[in-house]
Amino acid sequence: MSDPGRVRVRRFAETDRAAFLAYQGLPEVRRFQPGGTMSEQEASAFVSEQARRGTDERGAWHGRVVELIAERRVIGDVGIWVPPEGSGPVVGDLGFQFDPRYHGQGYAIEALGAFVPVAFRVFALDRVTATCREENRSSWHLMERLGMRLQSASDGERGYALERD
């Protein structure tokens, strides 16, 4: 999909299963996600589904791998929920998860900085939203660095949005 510098954002491949499961199986990665850690079967099914999914599919999650170029290592994933066809503005919902060993090194902002503009174009989005728990300071700081604006803060959740330029 893109090569902004130290990381590459690309489609999932079947060969990404083990690397994806390695961090998705960590409680600290899934701490703010519903459902807890992923099992090997869940991770395998997710990778297969994402590897097959076409960009024209609506009402679906479109995940991409974040690969550290220098090591050719999967260090996380980013994605966007693309709503079904309908009338009105097209709003995608952004998500991201990274292996904790790679937190705090700027990889997430590089990856999202490359992914979000492409997602706006490829999926014809008018707006991108994202939510996180109030205690997940790293995520909401990342959203703010990405240029997203706080839209709501209640019940322990923070909601952000970014409009198409």
C-alpha atoms as a PDB file:
ATOM      1  CA  MET A   1       0.000   0.000   0.000  1.00  0.00           C
ATOM      2  CA  SER A   2       2.728   2.485   0.916  1.00  0.00           C
ATOM      3  CA  ASP A   3       6.290   2.883   2.132  1.00  0.00           C
ATOM      4  CA  PRO A   4       6.468   6.073   4.227  1.00  0.00           C
ATOM      5  CA  GLY A   5       9.932   5.427   5.653  1.00  0.00           C
ATOM      6  CA  ARG A   6      10.656   2.805   8.278  1.00  0.00           C
ATOM      7  CA  VAL A   7       7.387   0.927   7.924  1.00  0.00           C
ATOM      8  CA  ARG A   8       5.338  -0.510   5.090  1.00  0.00           C
ATOM      9  CA  VAL A   9       1.549  -0.726   5.224  1.00  0.00           C
ATOM     10  CA  ARG A  10       0.391  -3.598   3.043  1.00  0.00           C
ATOM     11  CA  ARG A  11      -2.347  -6.162   2.560  1.00  0.00           C
ATOM     12  CA  PHE A  12      -2.371  -9.220   4.780  1.00  0.00           C
ATOM     13  CA  ALA A  13      -0.840 -12.390   3.343  1.00  0.00           C
ATOM     14  CA  GLU A  14      -1.410 -15.965   4.506  1.00  0.00           C
ATOM     15  CA  THR A  15       2.227 -16.005   5.653  1.00  0.00           C
ATOM     16  CA  ASP A  16       1.428 -13.314   8.273  1.00  0.00           C
ATOM     17  CA  ARG A  17      -0.477 -15.720  10.552  1.00  0.00           C
ATOM     18  CA  ALA A  18       2.284 -16.508  13.061  1.00  0.00           C
ATOM     19  CA  ALA A  19       3.464 -12.908  13.383  1.00  0.00           C
ATOM     20  CA  PHE A  20      -0.105 -11.628  13.771  1.00  0.00           C
ATOM     21  CA  LEU A  21      -0.913 -14.214  16.437  1.00  0.00           C
ATOM     22  CA  ALA A  22       2.337 -13.454  18.289  1.00  0.00           C
ATOM     23  CA  TYR A  23       1.096 -10.010  19.320  1.00  0.00           C
ATOM     24  CA  GLN A  24      -2.671 -10.640  19.181  1.00  0.00           C
ATOM     25  CA  GLY A  25      -2.186 -13.326  21.814  1.00  0.00           C
ATOM     26  CA  LEU A  26      -0.754 -10.794  24.282  1.00  0.00           C
ATOM     27  CA  PRO A  27      -3.180  -9.518  26.937  1.00  0.00           C
ATOM     28  CA  GLU A  28      -1.635  -6.013  26.849  1.00  0.00           C
ATOM     29  CA  VAL A  29      -2.407  -5.693  23.117  1.00  0.00           C
ATOM     30  CA  ARG A  30      -6.041  -6.701  23.568  1.00  0.00           C
ATOM     31  CA  ARG A  31      -6.553  -4.913  26.902  1.00  0.00           C
ATOM     32  CA  PHE A  32      -8.813  -2.240  25.401  1.00  0.00           C
ATOM     33  CA  GLN A  33     -10.451  -4.530  22.822  1.00  0.00           C
ATOM     34  CA  PRO A  34     -13.637  -6.531  23.349  1.00  0.00           C
ATOM     35  CA  GLY A  35     -13.263 -10.280  23.555  1.00  0.00           C
ATOM     36  CA  GLY A  36      -9.779 -10.687  24.982  1.00  0.00           C
ATOM     37  CA  THR A  37      -6.811 -12.280  23.241  1.00  0.00           C
ATOM     38  CA  MET A  38      -7.182 -14.080  19.926  1.00  0.00           C
ATOM     39  CA  SER A  39      -6.870 -17.828  19.675  1.00  0.00           C
ATOM     40  CA  GLU A  40      -4.805 -19.416  16.924  1.00  0.00           C
ATOM     41  CA  GLN A  41      -8.021 -20.289  15.057  1.00  0.00           C
ATOM     42  CA  GLU A  42      -9.398 -16.749  15.349  1.00  0.00           C
ATOM     43  CA  ALA A  43      -6.134 -15.187  14.192  1.00  0.00           C
ATOM     44  CA  SER A  44      -5.857 -17.609  11.281  1.00  0.00           C
ATOM     45  CA  ALA A  45      -9.436 -16.927  10.162  1.00  0.00           C
ATOM     46  CA  PHE A  46      -8.921 -13.159  10.441  1.00  0.00           C
ATOM     47  CA  VAL A  47      -5.708 -13.218   8.380  1.00  0.00           C
ATOM     48  CA  SER A  48      -7.327 -15.400   5.687  1.00  0.00           C
ATOM     49  CA  GLU A  49     -10.373 -13.140   5.514  1.00  0.00           C
ATOM     50  CA  GLN A  50      -8.264  -9.983   5.254  1.00  0.00           C
ATOM     51  CA  ALA A  51      -5.951 -11.505   2.637  1.00  0.00           C
ATOM     52  CA  ARG A  52      -8.988 -12.298   0.442  1.00  0.00           C
ATOM     53  CA  ARG A  53     -11.006  -9.123   0.986  1.00  0.00           C
ATOM     54  CA  GLY A  54     -11.245  -6.793  -2.000  1.00  0.00           C
ATOM     55  CA  THR A  55     -11.237  -3.022  -1.635  1.00  0.00           C
ATOM     56  CA  ASP A  56     -14.693  -2.871  -3.226  1.00  0.00           C
ATOM     57  CA  GLU A  57     -16.320  -4.739  -0.327  1.00  0.00           C
ATOM     58  CA  ARG A  58     -18.565  -2.530   1.828  1.00  0.00           C
ATOM     59  CA  GLY A  59     -19.899  -3.213   5.305  1.00  0.00           C
ATOM     60  CA  ALA A  60     -16.561  -4.780   6.207  1.00  0.00           C
ATOM     61  CA  TRP A  61     -13.288  -4.328   8.065  1.00  0.00           C
ATOM     62  CA  HIS A  62     -10.284  -3.661   5.834  1.00  0.00           C
ATOM     63  CA  GLY A  63      -7.142  -4.499   7.786  1.00  0.00           C
ATOM     64  CA  ARG A  64      -3.555  -3.949   6.705  1.00  0.00           C
ATOM     65  CA  VAL A  65      -0.284  -5.217   8.117  1.00  0.00           C
ATOM     66  CA  VAL A  66       2.357  -2.807   9.374  1.00  0.00           C
ATOM     67  CA  GLU A  67       5.766  -4.220   8.536  1.00  0.00           C
ATOM     68  CA  LEU A  68       9.101  -2.924   9.803  1.00  0.00           C
ATOM     69  CA  ILE A  69      11.012  -2.619   6.529  1.00  0.00           C
ATOM     70  CA  ALA A  70      14.537  -3.081   7.896  1.00  0.00           C
ATOM     71  CA  GLU A  71      13.631  -6.376   9.574  1.00  0.00           C
ATOM     72  CA  ARG A  72      10.798  -7.505   7.277  1.00  0.00           C
ATOM     73  CA  ARG A  73       8.841  -8.081  10.480  1.00  0.00           C
ATOM     74  CA  VAL A  74       5.130  -7.587  11.134  1.00  0.00           C
ATOM     75  CA  ILE A  75       4.859  -5.182  14.078  1.00  0.00           C
ATOM     76  CA  GLY A  76       1.175  -4.323  14.031  1.00  0.00           C
ATOM     77  CA  ASP A  77      -1.918  -3.745  11.993  1.00  0.00           C
ATOM     78  CA  VAL A  78      -4.188  -0.880  11.048  1.00  0.00           C
ATOM     79  CA  GLY A  79      -7.590  -0.963   9.481  1.00  0.00           C
ATOM     80  CA  ILE A  80     -10.836   0.751   8.755  1.00  0.00           C
ATOM     81  CA  TRP A  81     -14.472  -0.277   8.880  1.00  0.00           C
ATOM     82  CA  VAL A  82     -16.082   0.772   5.599  1.00  0.00           C
ATOM     83  CA  PRO A  83     -19.859   1.129   5.930  1.00  0.00           C
ATOM     84  CA  PRO A  84     -22.384  -0.407   3.536  1.00  0.00           C
ATOM     85  CA  GLU A  85     -23.506   1.635   0.540  1.00  0.00           C
ATOM     86  CA  GLY A  86     -26.026   4.276   1.505  1.00  0.00           C
ATOM     87  CA  SER A  87     -26.933   7.901   1.272  1.00  0.00           C
ATOM     88  CA  GLY A  88     -25.155  10.644   3.107  1.00  0.00           C
ATOM     89  CA  PRO A  89     -21.532  11.035   4.123  1.00  0.00           C
ATOM     90  CA  VAL A  90     -19.336   7.924   4.068  1.00  0.00           C
ATOM     91  CA  VAL A  91     -17.750   7.529   7.500  1.00  0.00           C
ATOM     92  CA  GLY A  92     -15.029   4.950   8.117  1.00  0.00           C
ATOM     93  CA  ASP A  93     -14.027   3.834  11.606  1.00  0.00           C
ATOM     94  CA  LEU A  94     -10.276   3.514  12.197  1.00  0.00           C
ATOM     95  CA  GLY A  95      -8.472   0.988  14.377  1.00  0.00           C
ATOM     96  CA  PHE A  96      -4.883   0.003  15.099  1.00  0.00           C
ATOM     97  CA  GLN A  97      -2.876  -2.411  17.249  1.00  0.00           C
ATOM     98  CA  PHE A  98       0.872  -2.796  17.638  1.00  0.00           C
ATOM     99  CA  ASP A  99       3.227  -5.269  19.228  1.00  0.00           C
ATOM    100  CA  PRO A 100       4.221  -3.665  22.563  1.00  0.00           C
ATOM    101  CA  ARG A 101       7.912  -4.129  21.746  1.00  0.00           C
ATOM    102  CA  TYR A 102       7.461  -1.445  19.082  1.00  0.00           C
ATOM    103  CA  HIS A 103       5.457   1.095  21.095  1.00  0.00           C
ATOM    104  CA  GLY A 104       6.833   4.594  21.614  1.00  0.00           C
ATOM    105  CA  GLN A 105       9.114   4.593  18.571  1.00  0.00           C
ATOM    106  CA  GLY A 106       6.953   6.521  16.109  1.00  0.00           C
ATOM    107  CA  TYR A 107       5.996   3.521  13.978  1.00  0.00           C
ATOM    108  CA  ALA A 108       2.261   3.925  14.585  1.00  0.00           C
ATOM    109  CA  ILE A 109       2.149   7.570  13.482  1.00  0.00           C
ATOM    110  CA  GLU A 110       4.191   6.693  10.369  1.00  0.00           C
ATOM    111  CA  ALA A 111       1.864   3.835   9.502  1.00  0.00           C
ATOM    112  CA  LEU A 112      -1.348   5.745  10.138  1.00  0.00           C
ATOM    113  CA  GLY A 113       0.010   8.834   8.398  1.00  0.00           C
ATOM    114  CA  ALA A 114       0.431   6.694   5.292  1.00  0.00           C
ATOM    115  CA  PHE A 115      -2.733   4.606   5.673  1.00  0.00           C
ATOM    116  CA  VAL A 116      -5.390   7.240   6.407  1.00  0.00           C
ATOM    117  CA  PRO A 117      -4.952   9.376   3.238  1.00  0.00           C
ATOM    118  CA  VAL A 118      -5.024   6.217   1.110  1.00  0.00           C
ATOM    119  CA  ALA A 119      -8.138   4.978   2.948  1.00  0.00           C
ATOM    120  CA  PHE A 120      -9.906   8.297   2.273  1.00  0.00           C
ATOM    121  CA  ARG A 121      -9.174   7.919  -1.443  1.00  0.00           C
ATOM    122  CA  VAL A 122      -9.607   4.156  -1.968  1.00  0.00           C
ATOM    123  CA  PHE A 123     -12.844   3.872   0.017  1.00  0.00           C
ATOM    124  CA  ALA A 124     -14.219   7.308  -0.996  1.00  0.00           C
ATOM    125  CA  LEU A 125     -14.591   8.321   2.651  1.00  0.00           C
ATOM    126  CA  ASP A 126     -15.833  11.726   3.745  1.00  0.00           C
ATOM    127  CA  ARG A 127     -14.824  11.285   7.366  1.00  0.00           C
ATOM    128  CA  VAL A 128     -12.774   8.943   9.540  1.00  0.00           C
ATOM    129  CA  THR A 129     -13.685   8.341  13.170  1.00  0.00           C
ATOM    130  CA  ALA A 130     -11.999   6.458  15.998  1.00  0.00           C
ATOM    131  CA  THR A 131     -12.784   5.812  19.638  1.00  0.00           C
ATOM    132  CA  CYS A 132     -10.721   4.674  22.573  1.00  0.00           C
ATOM    133  CA  ARG A 133     -10.972   4.295  26.307  1.00  0.00           C
ATOM    134  CA  GLU A 134     -10.062   7.375  28.354  1.00  0.00           C
ATOM    135  CA  GLU A 135      -7.270   5.450  30.093  1.00  0.00           C
ATOM    136  CA  ASN A 136      -5.714   4.519  26.733  1.00  0.00           C
ATOM    137  CA  ARG A 137      -3.696   7.742  26.607  1.00  0.00           C
ATOM    138  CA  SER A 138      -1.277   6.452  23.966  1.00  0.00           C
ATOM    139  CA  SER A 139      -4.107   5.892  21.498  1.00  0.00           C
ATOM    140  CA  TRP A 140      -5.816   9.217  21.982  1.00  0.00           C
ATOM    141  CA  HIS A 141      -2.504  11.071  21.820  1.00  0.00           C
ATOM    142  CA  LEU A 142      -1.800   9.230  18.561  1.00  0.00           C
ATOM    143  CA  MET A 143      -5.188  10.244  17.152  1.00  0.00           C
ATOM    144  CA  GLU A 144      -4.505  13.865  18.059  1.00  0.00           C
ATOM    145  CA  ARG A 145      -1.056  13.718  16.431  1.00  0.00           C
ATOM    146  CA  LEU A 146      -2.758  12.360  13.324  1.00  0.00           C
ATOM    147  CA  GLY A 147      -4.872  15.530  13.215  1.00  0.00           C
ATOM    148  CA  MET A 148      -8.082  13.973  14.495  1.00  0.00           C
ATOM    149  CA  ARG A 149     -10.257  16.240  16.619  1.00  0.00           C
ATOM    150  CA  LEU A 150     -11.996  15.256  19.828  1.00  0.00           C
ATOM    151  CA  GLN A 151     -15.741  14.982  19.158  1.00  0.00           C
ATOM    152  CA  SER A 152     -16.978  13.419  22.384  1.00  0.00           C
ATOM    153  CA  ALA A 153     -15.784  12.346  25.804  1.00  0.00           C
ATOM    154  CA  SER A 154     -18.220  10.450  28.010  1.00  0.00           C
ATOM    155  CA  ASP A 155     -18.621   7.175  29.865  1.00  0.00           C
ATOM    156  CA  GLY A 156     -14.845   6.662  29.814  1.00  0.00           C
ATOM    157  CA  GLU A 157     -14.639   6.849  25.994  1.00  0.00           C
ATOM    158  CA  ARG A 158     -13.107   9.464  23.732  1.00  0.00           C
ATOM    159  CA  GLY A 159     -14.367   9.871  20.175  1.00  0.00           C
ATOM    160  CA  TYR A 160     -12.285  11.504  17.451  1.00  0.00           C
ATOM    161  CA  ALA A 161     -12.891  12.470  13.826  1.00  0.00           C
ATOM    162  CA  LEU A 162     -10.937  13.620  10.808  1.00  0.00           C
ATOM    163  CA  GLU A 163     -12.653  15.203   7.809  1.00  0.00           C
ATOM    164  CA  ARG A 164     -11.605  14.678   4.213  1.00  0.00           C
ATOM    165  CA  ASP A 165      -9.459  17.588   3.003  1.00  0.00           C
END
